[in-house]
């Protein structure tokens, strides 16, 4: 699973084997295919109804979440904070947990 999950992280060698095994358990082909089919009919406008503070993050090497995704959320959700986290891939909460925790604390203190 290591080579398959490496695009998810800025530094794959720094990710524990337990995290990689967990991703392997979660990466079920049938579920992934169903989610990919469902997103084709996803109503993004429902996000306009979100009325609580939101933190949306992406890593600076994130292969799945683009800057334009964060821009779209920023234009859609009234109270969103978007952040690109340096030295991270898609899972900033795994690679930079203290940074994400501080961002959440900052959001909740507003």
PDB file of N, CA and C in Angstrom:
ATOM      1  N   UNK A   1       0.806  -1.199   0.000  1.00  0.00           N
ATOM      2  CA  UNK A   1       0.000   0.000   0.000  1.00  0.00           C
ATOM      3  C   UNK A   1       0.849   1.263   0.000  1.00  0.00           C
ATOM      4  N   UNK A   2       2.080   1.186   0.453  1.00  0.00           N
ATOM      5  CA  UNK A   2       2.927   2.366   0.529  1.00  0.00           C
ATOM      6  C   UNK A   2       3.010   3.144  -0.777  1.00  0.00           C
ATOM      7  N   UNK A   3       3.378   2.483  -1.889  1.00  0.00           N
ATOM      8  CA  UNK A   3       3.445   3.223  -3.156  1.00  0.00           C
ATOM      9  C   UNK A   3       2.091   3.792  -3.600  1.00  0.00           C
ATOM     10  N   UNK A   4       1.019   3.093  -3.290  1.00  0.00           N
ATOM     11  CA  UNK A   4      -0.311   3.572  -3.685  1.00  0.00           C
ATOM     12  C   UNK A   4      -0.754   4.790  -2.883  1.00  0.00           C
ATOM     13  N   UNK A   5      -0.320   4.868  -1.638  1.00  0.00           N
ATOM     14  CA  UNK A   5      -0.733   5.994  -0.793  1.00  0.00           C
ATOM     15  C   UNK A   5       0.259   7.154  -0.836  1.00  0.00           C
ATOM     16  N   UNK A   6       1.418   6.958  -1.449  1.00  0.00           N
ATOM     17  CA  UNK A   6       2.436   8.011  -1.431  1.00  0.00           C
ATOM     18  C   UNK A   6       1.970   9.331  -2.033  1.00  0.00           C
ATOM     19  N   UNK A   7       1.079   9.373  -3.039  1.00  0.00           N
ATOM     20  CA  UNK A   7       0.634  10.684  -3.517  1.00  0.00           C
ATOM     21  C   UNK A   7      -0.177  11.473  -2.485  1.00  0.00           C
ATOM     22  N   UNK A   8      -0.618  10.813  -1.443  1.00  0.00           N
ATOM     23  CA  UNK A   8      -1.438  11.473  -0.432  1.00  0.00           C
ATOM     24  C   UNK A   8      -0.625  12.301   0.551  1.00  0.00           C
ATOM     25  N   UNK A   9       0.688  12.101   0.579  1.00  0.00           N
ATOM     26  CA  UNK A   9       1.529  12.718   1.597  1.00  0.00           C
ATOM     27  C   UNK A   9       2.712  13.443   0.972  1.00  0.00           C
ATOM     28  N   UNK A  10       3.108  14.555   1.565  1.00  0.00           N
ATOM     29  CA  UNK A  10       4.282  15.286   1.096  1.00  0.00           C
ATOM     30  C   UNK A  10       5.559  14.482   1.349  1.00  0.00           C
ATOM     31  N   UNK A  11       5.607  13.775   2.481  1.00  0.00           N
ATOM     32  CA  UNK A  11       6.767  12.960   2.845  1.00  0.00           C
ATOM     33  C   UNK A  11       6.279  11.566   3.230  1.00  0.00           C
ATOM     34  N   UNK A  12       6.032  10.700   2.261  1.00  0.00           N
ATOM     35  CA  UNK A  12       5.484   9.375   2.557  1.00  0.00           C
ATOM     36  C   UNK A  12       6.346   8.560   3.519  1.00  0.00           C
ATOM     37  N   UNK A  13       7.654   8.772   3.506  1.00  0.00           N
ATOM     38  CA  UNK A  13       8.525   7.991   4.390  1.00  0.00           C
ATOM     39  C   UNK A  13       8.296   8.339   5.860  1.00  0.00           C
ATOM     40  N   UNK A  14       7.702   9.486   6.136  1.00  0.00           N
ATOM     41  CA  UNK A  14       7.436   9.891   7.512  1.00  0.00           C
ATOM     42  C   UNK A  14       6.105   9.411   8.060  1.00  0.00           C
ATOM     43  N   UNK A  15       5.342   8.675   7.258  1.00  0.00           N
ATOM     44  CA  UNK A  15       4.018   8.197   7.669  1.00  0.00           C
ATOM     45  C   UNK A  15       4.144   6.787   8.229  1.00  0.00           C
ATOM     46  N   UNK A  16       3.547   6.570   9.381  1.00  0.00           N
ATOM     47  CA  UNK A  16       3.674   5.274  10.043  1.00  0.00           C
ATOM     48  C   UNK A  16       2.984   4.168   9.250  1.00  0.00           C
ATOM     49  N   UNK A  17       3.477   2.969   9.425  1.00  0.00           N
ATOM     50  CA  UNK A  17       2.895   1.805   8.751  1.00  0.00           C
ATOM     51  C   UNK A  17       1.439   1.607   9.164  1.00  0.00           C
ATOM     52  N   UNK A  18       1.110   1.963  10.404  1.00  0.00           N
ATOM     53  CA  UNK A  18      -0.267   1.829  10.875  1.00  0.00           C
ATOM     54  C   UNK A  18      -1.231   2.717  10.105  1.00  0.00           C
ATOM     55  N   UNK A  19      -0.800   3.925   9.777  1.00  0.00           N
ATOM     56  CA  UNK A  19      -1.638   4.834   8.989  1.00  0.00           C
ATOM     57  C   UNK A  19      -1.837   4.256   7.591  1.00  0.00           C
ATOM     58  N   UNK A  20      -0.776   3.757   6.996  1.00  0.00           N
ATOM     59  CA  UNK A  20      -0.867   3.175   5.652  1.00  0.00           C
ATOM     60  C   UNK A  20      -1.778   1.958   5.663  1.00  0.00           C
ATOM     61  N   UNK A  21      -1.649   1.093   6.683  1.00  0.00           N
ATOM     62  CA  UNK A  21      -2.540  -0.080   6.790  1.00  0.00           C
ATOM     63  C   UNK A  21      -3.996   0.365   6.933  1.00  0.00           C
ATOM     64  N   UNK A  22      -4.228   1.407   7.739  1.00  0.00           N
ATOM     65  CA  UNK A  22      -5.589   1.917   7.912  1.00  0.00           C
ATOM     66  C   UNK A  22      -6.181   2.426   6.612  1.00  0.00           C
ATOM     67  N   UNK A  23      -5.379   3.127   5.829  1.00  0.00           N
ATOM     68  CA  UNK A  23      -5.850   3.592   4.521  1.00  0.00           C
ATOM     69  C   UNK A  23      -6.165   2.415   3.616  1.00  0.00           C
ATOM     70  N   UNK A  24      -5.360   1.371   3.719  1.00  0.00           N
ATOM     71  CA  UNK A  24      -5.613   0.166   2.927  1.00  0.00           C
ATOM     72  C   UNK A  24      -6.935  -0.485   3.291  1.00  0.00           C
ATOM     73  N   UNK A  25      -7.260  -0.493   4.565  1.00  0.00           N
ATOM     74  CA  UNK A  25      -8.550  -1.056   4.991  1.00  0.00           C
ATOM     75  C   UNK A  25      -9.709  -0.194   4.493  1.00  0.00           C
ATOM     76  N   UNK A  26      -9.496   1.113   4.429  1.00  0.00           N
ATOM     77  CA  UNK A  26     -10.562   2.026   4.018  1.00  0.00           C
ATOM     78  C   UNK A  26     -10.717   2.127   2.502  1.00  0.00           C
ATOM     79  N   UNK A  27      -9.712   1.728   1.764  1.00  0.00           N
ATOM     80  CA  UNK A  27      -9.732   1.878   0.306  1.00  0.00           C
ATOM     81  C   UNK A  27     -10.367   0.650  -0.339  1.00  0.00           C
ATOM     82  N   UNK A  28     -11.643   0.501  -0.149  1.00  0.00           N
ATOM     83  CA  UNK A  28     -12.361  -0.622  -0.726  1.00  0.00           C
ATOM     84  C   UNK A  28     -12.812  -0.224  -2.131  1.00  0.00           C
ATOM     85  N   UNK A  29     -12.431  -0.997  -3.138  1.00  0.00           N
ATOM     86  CA  UNK A  29     -12.749  -0.604  -4.520  1.00  0.00           C
ATOM     87  C   UNK A  29     -14.241  -0.371  -4.765  1.00  0.00           C
ATOM     88  N   UNK A  30     -15.105  -1.203  -4.240  1.00  0.00           N
ATOM     89  CA  UNK A  30     -16.541  -1.031  -4.487  1.00  0.00           C
ATOM     90  C   UNK A  30     -17.042   0.286  -3.890  1.00  0.00           C
ATOM     91  N   UNK A  31     -16.609   0.602  -2.675  1.00  0.00           N
ATOM     92  CA  UNK A  31     -17.027   1.850  -2.034  1.00  0.00           C
ATOM     93  C   UNK A  31     -16.469   3.057  -2.768  1.00  0.00           C
ATOM     94  N   UNK A  32     -15.222   2.982  -3.174  1.00  0.00           N
ATOM     95  CA  UNK A  32     -14.603   4.086  -3.900  1.00  0.00           C
ATOM     96  C   UNK A  32     -15.323   4.320  -5.228  1.00  0.00           C
ATOM     97  N   UNK A  33     -15.652   3.252  -5.937  1.00  0.00           N
ATOM     98  CA  UNK A  33     -16.375   3.371  -7.208  1.00  0.00           C
ATOM     99  C   UNK A  33     -17.762   3.969  -7.002  1.00  0.00           C
ATOM    100  N   UNK A  34     -18.451   3.534  -5.949  1.00  0.00           N
ATOM    101  CA  UNK A  34     -19.784   4.076  -5.660  1.00  0.00           C
ATOM    102  C   UNK A  34     -19.702   5.571  -5.361  1.00  0.00           C
ATOM    103  N   UNK A  35     -18.706   5.974  -4.612  1.00  0.00           N
ATOM    104  CA  UNK A  35     -18.537   7.399  -4.289  1.00  0.00           C
ATOM    105  C   UNK A  35     -18.233   8.200  -5.555  1.00  0.00           C
ATOM    106  N   UNK A  36     -17.407   7.669  -6.421  1.00  0.00           N
ATOM    107  CA  UNK A  36     -17.080   8.362  -7.672  1.00  0.00           C
ATOM    108  C   UNK A  36     -18.322   8.528  -8.540  1.00  0.00           C
ATOM    109  N   UNK A  37     -19.188   7.513  -8.583  1.00  0.00           N
ATOM    110  CA  UNK A  37     -20.431   7.622  -9.359  1.00  0.00           C
ATOM    111  C   UNK A  37     -21.374   8.640  -8.722  1.00  0.00           C
ATOM    112  N   UNK A  38     -21.454   8.637  -7.391  1.00  0.00           N
ATOM    113  CA  UNK A  38     -22.365   9.538  -6.683  1.00  0.00           C
ATOM    114  C   UNK A  38     -21.976  10.998  -6.861  1.00  0.00           C
ATOM    115  N   UNK A  39     -20.700  11.284  -6.931  1.00  0.00           N
ATOM    116  CA  UNK A  39     -20.250  12.678  -7.037  1.00  0.00           C
ATOM    117  C   UNK A  39     -20.685  13.302  -8.360  1.00  0.00           C
ATOM    118  N   UNK A  40     -20.946  12.493  -9.354  1.00  0.00           N
ATOM    119  CA  UNK A  40     -21.403  13.027 -10.643  1.00  0.00           C
ATOM    120  C   UNK A  40     -22.750  13.735 -10.509  1.00  0.00           C
ATOM    121  N   UNK A  41     -23.515  13.363  -9.493  1.00  0.00           N
ATOM    122  CA  UNK A  41     -24.842  13.950  -9.284  1.00  0.00           C
ATOM    123  C   UNK A  41     -24.895  14.814  -8.021  1.00  0.00           C
ATOM    124  N   UNK A  42     -23.751  15.147  -7.481  1.00  0.00           N
ATOM    125  CA  UNK A  42     -23.686  15.879  -6.227  1.00  0.00           C
ATOM    126  C   UNK A  42     -24.155  17.326  -6.407  1.00  0.00           C
ATOM    127  N   UNK A  43     -24.991  17.784  -5.498  1.00  0.00           N
ATOM    128  CA  UNK A  43     -25.504  19.153  -5.539  1.00  0.00           C
ATOM    129  C   UNK A  43     -24.642  20.035  -4.645  1.00  0.00           C
ATOM    130  N   UNK A  44     -23.642  20.670  -5.245  1.00  0.00           N
ATOM    131  CA  UNK A  44     -22.707  21.494  -4.487  1.00  0.00           C
ATOM    132  C   UNK A  44     -23.406  22.682  -3.822  1.00  0.00           C
ATOM    133  N   UNK A  45     -24.510  23.139  -4.399  1.00  0.00           N
ATOM    134  CA  UNK A  45     -25.211  24.305  -3.844  1.00  0.00           C
ATOM    135  C   UNK A  45     -25.766  24.065  -2.441  1.00  0.00           C
ATOM    136  N   UNK A  46     -25.896  22.806  -2.024  1.00  0.00           N
ATOM    137  CA  UNK A  46     -26.390  22.557  -0.669  1.00  0.00           C
ATOM    138  C   UNK A  46     -25.429  23.099   0.393  1.00  0.00           C
ATOM    139  N   UNK A  47     -24.169  23.319   0.011  1.00  0.00           N
ATOM    140  CA  UNK A  47     -23.208  23.893   0.945  1.00  0.00           C
ATOM    141  C   UNK A  47     -23.565  25.319   1.331  1.00  0.00           C
ATOM    142  N   UNK A  48     -24.368  25.987   0.523  1.00  0.00           N
ATOM    143  CA  UNK A  48     -24.786  27.358   0.832  1.00  0.00           C
ATOM    144  C   UNK A  48     -25.602  27.420   2.129  1.00  0.00           C
ATOM    145  N   UNK A  49     -26.156  26.297   2.550  1.00  0.00           N
ATOM    146  CA  UNK A  49     -26.941  26.245   3.768  1.00  0.00           C
ATOM    147  C   UNK A  49     -26.125  26.083   5.042  1.00  0.00           C
ATOM    148  N   UNK A  50     -24.820  25.879   4.933  1.00  0.00           N
ATOM    149  CA  UNK A  50     -23.966  25.717   6.116  1.00  0.00           C
ATOM    150  C   UNK A  50     -23.884  27.052   6.841  1.00  0.00           C
ATOM    151  N   UNK A  51     -24.194  27.051   8.141  1.00  0.00           N
ATOM    152  CA  UNK A  51     -24.224  28.298   8.907  1.00  0.00           C
ATOM    153  C   UNK A  51     -23.312  28.280  10.129  1.00  0.00           C
ATOM    154  N   UNK A  52     -22.373  27.358  10.159  1.00  0.00           N
ATOM    155  CA  UNK A  52     -21.414  27.315  11.266  1.00  0.00           C
ATOM    156  C   UNK A  52     -20.024  27.585  10.696  1.00  0.00           C
ATOM    157  N   UNK A  53     -19.077  27.968  11.548  1.00  0.00           N
ATOM    158  CA  UNK A  53     -17.711  28.176  11.056  1.00  0.00           C
ATOM    159  C   UNK A  53     -17.141  26.879  10.470  1.00  0.00           C
ATOM    160  N   UNK A  54     -16.421  27.003   9.371  1.00  0.00           N
ATOM    161  CA  UNK A  54     -15.852  25.852   8.670  1.00  0.00           C
ATOM    162  C   UNK A  54     -14.376  26.103   8.421  1.00  0.00           C
ATOM    163  N   UNK A  55     -13.560  25.083   8.658  1.00  0.00           N
ATOM    164  CA  UNK A  55     -12.151  25.117   8.303  1.00  0.00           C
ATOM    165  C   UNK A  55     -11.963  24.160   7.133  1.00  0.00           C
ATOM    166  N   UNK A  56     -11.475  24.666   6.014  1.00  0.00           N
ATOM    167  CA  UNK A  56     -11.192  23.847   4.843  1.00  0.00           C
ATOM    168  C   UNK A  56      -9.700  23.935   4.561  1.00  0.00           C
ATOM    169  N   UNK A  57      -9.038  22.784   4.543  1.00  0.00           N
ATOM    170  CA  UNK A  57      -7.589  22.775   4.354  1.00  0.00           C
ATOM    171  C   UNK A  57      -7.207  21.943   3.147  1.00  0.00           C
ATOM    172  N   UNK A  58      -6.016  22.226   2.667  1.00  0.00           N
ATOM    173  CA  UNK A  58      -5.373  21.402   1.659  1.00  0.00           C
ATOM    174  C   UNK A  58      -3.880  21.499   1.919  1.00  0.00           C
ATOM    175  N   UNK A  59      -3.155  20.482   1.531  1.00  0.00           N
ATOM    176  CA  UNK A  59      -1.710  20.551   1.623  1.00  0.00           C
ATOM    177  C   UNK A  59      -1.137  21.212   0.384  1.00  0.00           C
ATOM    178  N   UNK A  60       0.038  21.765   0.499  1.00  0.00           N
ATOM    179  CA  UNK A  60       0.633  22.436  -0.658  1.00  0.00           C
ATOM    180  C   UNK A  60       1.049  21.461  -1.759  1.00  0.00           C
ATOM    181  N   UNK A  61       1.096  20.170  -1.456  1.00  0.00           N
ATOM    182  CA  UNK A  61       1.346  19.152  -2.480  1.00  0.00           C
ATOM    183  C   UNK A  61       0.134  18.237  -2.649  1.00  0.00           C
ATOM    184  N   UNK A  62      -1.016  18.693  -2.256  1.00  0.00           N
ATOM    185  CA  UNK A  62      -2.257  17.919  -2.322  1.00  0.00           C
ATOM    186  C   UNK A  62      -2.626  17.626  -3.776  1.00  0.00           C
ATOM    187  N   UNK A  63      -2.780  16.351  -4.108  1.00  0.00           N
ATOM    188  CA  UNK A  63      -3.119  15.968  -5.478  1.00  0.00           C
ATOM    189  C   UNK A  63      -4.626  15.863  -5.694  1.00  0.00           C
ATOM    190  N   UNK A  64      -5.404  15.981  -4.640  1.00  0.00           N
ATOM    191  CA  UNK A  64      -6.855  15.828  -4.752  1.00  0.00           C
ATOM    192  C   UNK A  64      -7.630  17.123  -4.537  1.00  0.00           C
ATOM    193  N   UNK A  65      -7.127  18.017  -3.702  1.00  0.00           N
ATOM    194  CA  UNK A  65      -7.828  19.267  -3.413  1.00  0.00           C
ATOM    195  C   UNK A  65      -7.038  20.426  -4.001  1.00  0.00           C
ATOM    196  N   UNK A  66      -7.647  21.123  -4.930  1.00  0.00           N
ATOM    197  CA  UNK A  66      -6.951  22.227  -5.597  1.00  0.00           C
ATOM    198  C   UNK A  66      -7.260  23.556  -4.913  1.00  0.00           C
ATOM    199  N   UNK A  67      -6.472  24.549  -5.235  1.00  0.00           N
ATOM    200  CA  UNK A  67      -6.754  25.898  -4.735  1.00  0.00           C
ATOM    201  C   UNK A  67      -8.139  26.359  -5.189  1.00  0.00           C
ATOM    202  N   UNK A  68      -8.537  25.981  -6.393  1.00  0.00           N
ATOM    203  CA  UNK A  68      -9.854  26.395  -6.881  1.00  0.00           C
ATOM    204  C   UNK A  68     -10.982  25.738  -6.075  1.00  0.00           C
ATOM    205  N   UNK A  69     -10.734  24.555  -5.514  1.00  0.00           N
ATOM    206  CA  UNK A  69     -11.734  23.933  -4.629  1.00  0.00           C
ATOM    207  C   UNK A  69     -11.951  24.808  -3.396  1.00  0.00           C
ATOM    208  N   UNK A  70     -10.855  25.295  -2.813  1.00  0.00           N
ATOM    209  CA  UNK A  70     -10.983  26.156  -1.642  1.00  0.00           C
ATOM    210  C   UNK A  70     -11.634  27.480  -2.015  1.00  0.00           C
ATOM    211  N   UNK A  71     -11.287  28.000  -3.188  1.00  0.00           N
ATOM    212  CA  UNK A  71     -11.923  29.245  -3.650  1.00  0.00           C
ATOM    213  C   UNK A  71     -13.429  29.059  -3.804  1.00  0.00           C
ATOM    214  N   UNK A  72     -13.826  27.914  -4.310  1.00  0.00           N
ATOM    215  CA  UNK A  72     -15.255  27.636  -4.494  1.00  0.00           C
ATOM    216  C   UNK A  72     -15.970  27.553  -3.148  1.00  0.00           C
ATOM    217  N   UNK A  73     -15.346  26.900  -2.180  1.00  0.00           N
ATOM    218  CA  UNK A  73     -15.940  26.858  -0.838  1.00  0.00           C
ATOM    219  C   UNK A  73     -16.035  28.255  -0.246  1.00  0.00           C
ATOM    220  N   UNK A  74     -14.990  29.046  -0.437  1.00  0.00           N
ATOM    221  CA  UNK A  74     -14.965  30.411   0.091  1.00  0.00           C
ATOM    222  C   UNK A  74     -16.106  31.254  -0.488  1.00  0.00           C
ATOM    223  N   UNK A  75     -16.425  31.014  -1.737  1.00  0.00           N
ATOM    224  CA  UNK A  75     -17.507  31.752  -2.387  1.00  0.00           C
ATOM    225  C   UNK A  75     -18.885  31.196  -2.037  1.00  0.00           C
ATOM    226  N   UNK A  76     -18.933  30.027  -1.427  1.00  0.00           N
ATOM    227  CA  UNK A  76     -20.202  29.341  -1.182  1.00  0.00           C
ATOM    228  C   UNK A  76     -20.638  29.376   0.274  1.00  0.00           C
ATOM    229  N   UNK A  77     -19.695  29.164   1.193  1.00  0.00           N
ATOM    230  CA  UNK A  77     -20.018  29.058   2.619  1.00  0.00           C
ATOM    231  C   UNK A  77     -19.737  30.410   3.278  1.00  0.00           C
ATOM    232  N   UNK A  78     -20.723  30.962   3.971  1.00  0.00           N
ATOM    233  CA  UNK A  78     -20.556  32.308   4.547  1.00  0.00           C
ATOM    234  C   UNK A  78     -19.398  32.435   5.541  1.00  0.00           C
ATOM    235  N   UNK A  79     -19.163  31.433   6.369  1.00  0.00           N
ATOM    236  CA  UNK A  79     -18.168  31.547   7.442  1.00  0.00           C
ATOM    237  C   UNK A  79     -17.113  30.457   7.296  1.00  0.00           C
ATOM    238  N   UNK A  80     -16.333  30.549   6.217  1.00  0.00           N
ATOM    239  CA  UNK A  80     -15.307  29.533   5.976  1.00  0.00           C
ATOM    240  C   UNK A  80     -13.926  30.163   6.052  1.00  0.00           C
ATOM    241  N   UNK A  81     -13.012  29.403   6.599  1.00  0.00           N
ATOM    242  CA  UNK A  81     -11.599  29.793   6.598  1.00  0.00           C
ATOM    243  C   UNK A  81     -10.872  28.745   5.776  1.00  0.00           C
ATOM    244  N   UNK A  82     -10.199  29.158   4.715  1.00  0.00           N
ATOM    245  CA  UNK A  82      -9.462  28.229   3.864  1.00  0.00           C
ATOM    246  C   UNK A  82      -7.975  28.420   4.081  1.00  0.00           C
ATOM    247  N   UNK A  83      -7.264  27.294   4.167  1.00  0.00           N
ATOM    248  CA  UNK A  83      -5.834  27.340   4.465  1.00  0.00           C
ATOM    249  C   UNK A  83      -5.108  26.272   3.650  1.00  0.00           C
ATOM    250  N   UNK A  84      -4.007  26.665   3.025  1.00  0.00           N
ATOM    251  CA  UNK A  84      -3.091  25.707   2.419  1.00  0.00           C
ATOM    252  C   UNK A  84      -1.948  25.500   3.402  1.00  0.00           C
ATOM    253  N   UNK A  85      -1.745  24.265   3.783  1.00  0.00           N
ATOM    254  CA  UNK A  85      -0.752  23.930   4.812  1.00  0.00           C
ATOM    255  C   UNK A  85       0.542  23.478   4.129  1.00  0.00           C
ATOM    256  N   UNK A  86       1.659  24.121   4.460  1.00  0.00           N
ATOM    257  CA  UNK A  86       2.932  23.755   3.833  1.00  0.00           C
ATOM    258  C   UNK A  86       3.411  22.373   4.275  1.00  0.00           C
ATOM    259  N   UNK A  87       4.170  21.765   3.383  1.00  0.00           N
ATOM    260  CA  UNK A  87       4.784  20.455   3.644  1.00  0.00           C
ATOM    261  C   UNK A  87       3.750  19.378   3.941  1.00  0.00           C
ATOM    262  N   UNK A  88       2.614  19.433   3.222  1.00  0.00           N
ATOM    263  CA  UNK A  88       1.554  18.435   3.396  1.00  0.00           C
ATOM    264  C   UNK A  88       0.995  18.003   2.061  1.00  0.00           C
ATOM    265  N   UNK A  89       0.496  16.777   2.058  1.00  0.00           N
ATOM    266  CA  UNK A  89      -0.278  16.280   0.936  1.00  0.00           C
ATOM    267  C   UNK A  89      -1.755  16.434   1.251  1.00  0.00           C
ATOM    268  N   UNK A  90      -2.526  15.388   0.979  1.00  0.00           N
ATOM    269  CA  UNK A  90      -3.973  15.449   1.156  1.00  0.00           C
ATOM    270  C   UNK A  90      -4.396  15.332   2.621  1.00  0.00           C
ATOM    271  N   UNK A  91      -3.591  14.663   3.426  1.00  0.00           N
ATOM    272  CA  UNK A  91      -3.977  14.409   4.817  1.00  0.00           C
ATOM    273  C   UNK A  91      -3.155  15.254   5.790  1.00  0.00           C
ATOM    274  N   UNK A  92      -3.433  16.538   5.813  1.00  0.00           N
ATOM    275  CA  UNK A  92      -2.709  17.443   6.706  1.00  0.00           C
ATOM    276  C   UNK A  92      -2.904  17.059   8.164  1.00  0.00           C
ATOM    277  N   UNK A  93      -4.067  16.511   8.503  1.00  0.00           N
ATOM    278  CA  UNK A  93      -4.308  16.116   9.890  1.00  0.00           C
ATOM    279  C   UNK A  93      -3.374  14.993  10.336  1.00  0.00           C
ATOM    280  N   UNK A  94      -2.830  14.227   9.395  1.00  0.00           N
ATOM    281  CA  UNK A  94      -1.863  13.174   9.721  1.00  0.00           C
ATOM    282  C   UNK A  94      -0.448  13.730   9.693  1.00  0.00           C
ATOM    283  N   UNK A  95      -0.142  14.556   8.702  1.00  0.00           N
ATOM    284  CA  UNK A  95       1.220  15.058   8.541  1.00  0.00           C
ATOM    285  C   UNK A  95       1.545  16.239   9.449  1.00  0.00           C
ATOM    286  N   UNK A  96       0.557  17.066   9.727  1.00  0.00           N
ATOM    287  CA  UNK A  96       0.785  18.266  10.543  1.00  0.00           C
ATOM    288  C   UNK A  96      -0.342  18.392  11.586  1.00  0.00           C
ATOM    289  N   UNK A  97      -0.514  17.391  12.447  1.00  0.00           N
ATOM    290  CA  UNK A  97      -1.659  17.409  13.371  1.00  0.00           C
ATOM    291  C   UNK A  97      -1.666  18.611  14.321  1.00  0.00           C
ATOM    292  N   UNK A  98      -0.499  19.051  14.768  1.00  0.00           N
ATOM    293  CA  UNK A  98      -0.461  20.198  15.677  1.00  0.00           C
ATOM    294  C   UNK A  98      -0.901  21.474  14.963  1.00  0.00           C
ATOM    295  N   UNK A  99      -0.505  21.606  13.710  1.00  0.00           N
ATOM    296  CA  UNK A  99      -0.889  22.774  12.915  1.00  0.00           C
ATOM    297  C   UNK A  99      -2.410  22.790  12.712  1.00  0.00           C
ATOM    298  N   UNK A 100      -2.974  21.648  12.348  1.00  0.00           N
ATOM    299  CA  UNK A 100      -4.426  21.556  12.149  1.00  0.00           C
ATOM    300  C   UNK A 100      -5.155  21.814  13.464  1.00  0.00           C
ATOM    301  N   UNK A 101      -4.643  21.274  14.546  1.00  0.00           N
ATOM    302  CA  UNK A 101      -5.264  21.508  15.854  1.00  0.00           C
ATOM    303  C   UNK A 101      -5.267  22.997  16.203  1.00  0.00           C
ATOM    304  N   UNK A 102      -4.171  23.687  15.940  1.00  0.00           N
ATOM    305  CA  UNK A 102      -4.114  25.118  16.225  1.00  0.00           C
ATOM    306  C   UNK A 102      -5.089  25.895  15.342  1.00  0.00           C
ATOM    307  N   UNK A 103      -5.202  25.512  14.085  1.00  0.00           N
ATOM    308  CA  UNK A 103      -6.171  26.162  13.188  1.00  0.00           C
ATOM    309  C   UNK A 103      -7.597  25.990  13.710  1.00  0.00           C
ATOM    310  N   UNK A 104      -7.901  24.794  14.207  1.00  0.00           N
ATOM    311  CA  UNK A 104      -9.234  24.546  14.773  1.00  0.00           C
ATOM    312  C   UNK A 104      -9.458  25.370  16.049  1.00  0.00           C
ATOM    313  N   UNK A 105      -8.452  25.422  16.898  1.00  0.00           N
ATOM    314  CA  UNK A 105      -8.574  26.246  18.111  1.00  0.00           C
ATOM    315  C   UNK A 105      -8.814  27.700  17.760  1.00  0.00           C
ATOM    316  N   UNK A 106      -8.058  28.184  16.769  1.00  0.00           N
ATOM    317  CA  UNK A 106      -8.243  29.575  16.323  1.00  0.00           C
ATOM    318  C   UNK A 106      -9.656  29.798  15.784  1.00  0.00           C
ATOM    319  N   UNK A 107     -10.165  28.845  15.016  1.00  0.00           N
ATOM    320  CA  UNK A 107     -11.506  28.957  14.460  1.00  0.00           C
ATOM    321  C   UNK A 107     -12.555  28.996  15.570  1.00  0.00           C
ATOM    322  N   UNK A 108     -12.409  28.132  16.552  1.00  0.00           N
ATOM    323  CA  UNK A 108     -13.388  28.030  17.629  1.00  0.00           C
ATOM    324  C   UNK A 108     -13.326  29.220  18.566  1.00  0.00           C
ATOM    325  N   UNK A 109     -12.207  29.941  18.585  1.00  0.00           N
ATOM    326  CA  UNK A 109     -12.084  31.079  19.507  1.00  0.00           C
ATOM    327  C   UNK A 109     -12.668  32.365  18.932  1.00  0.00           C
ATOM    328  N   UNK A 110     -13.094  32.347  17.686  1.00  0.00           N
ATOM    329  CA  UNK A 110     -13.659  33.554  17.064  1.00  0.00           C
ATOM    330  C   UNK A 110     -15.015  33.901  17.652  1.00  0.00           C
TER     331      UNK A 110
END
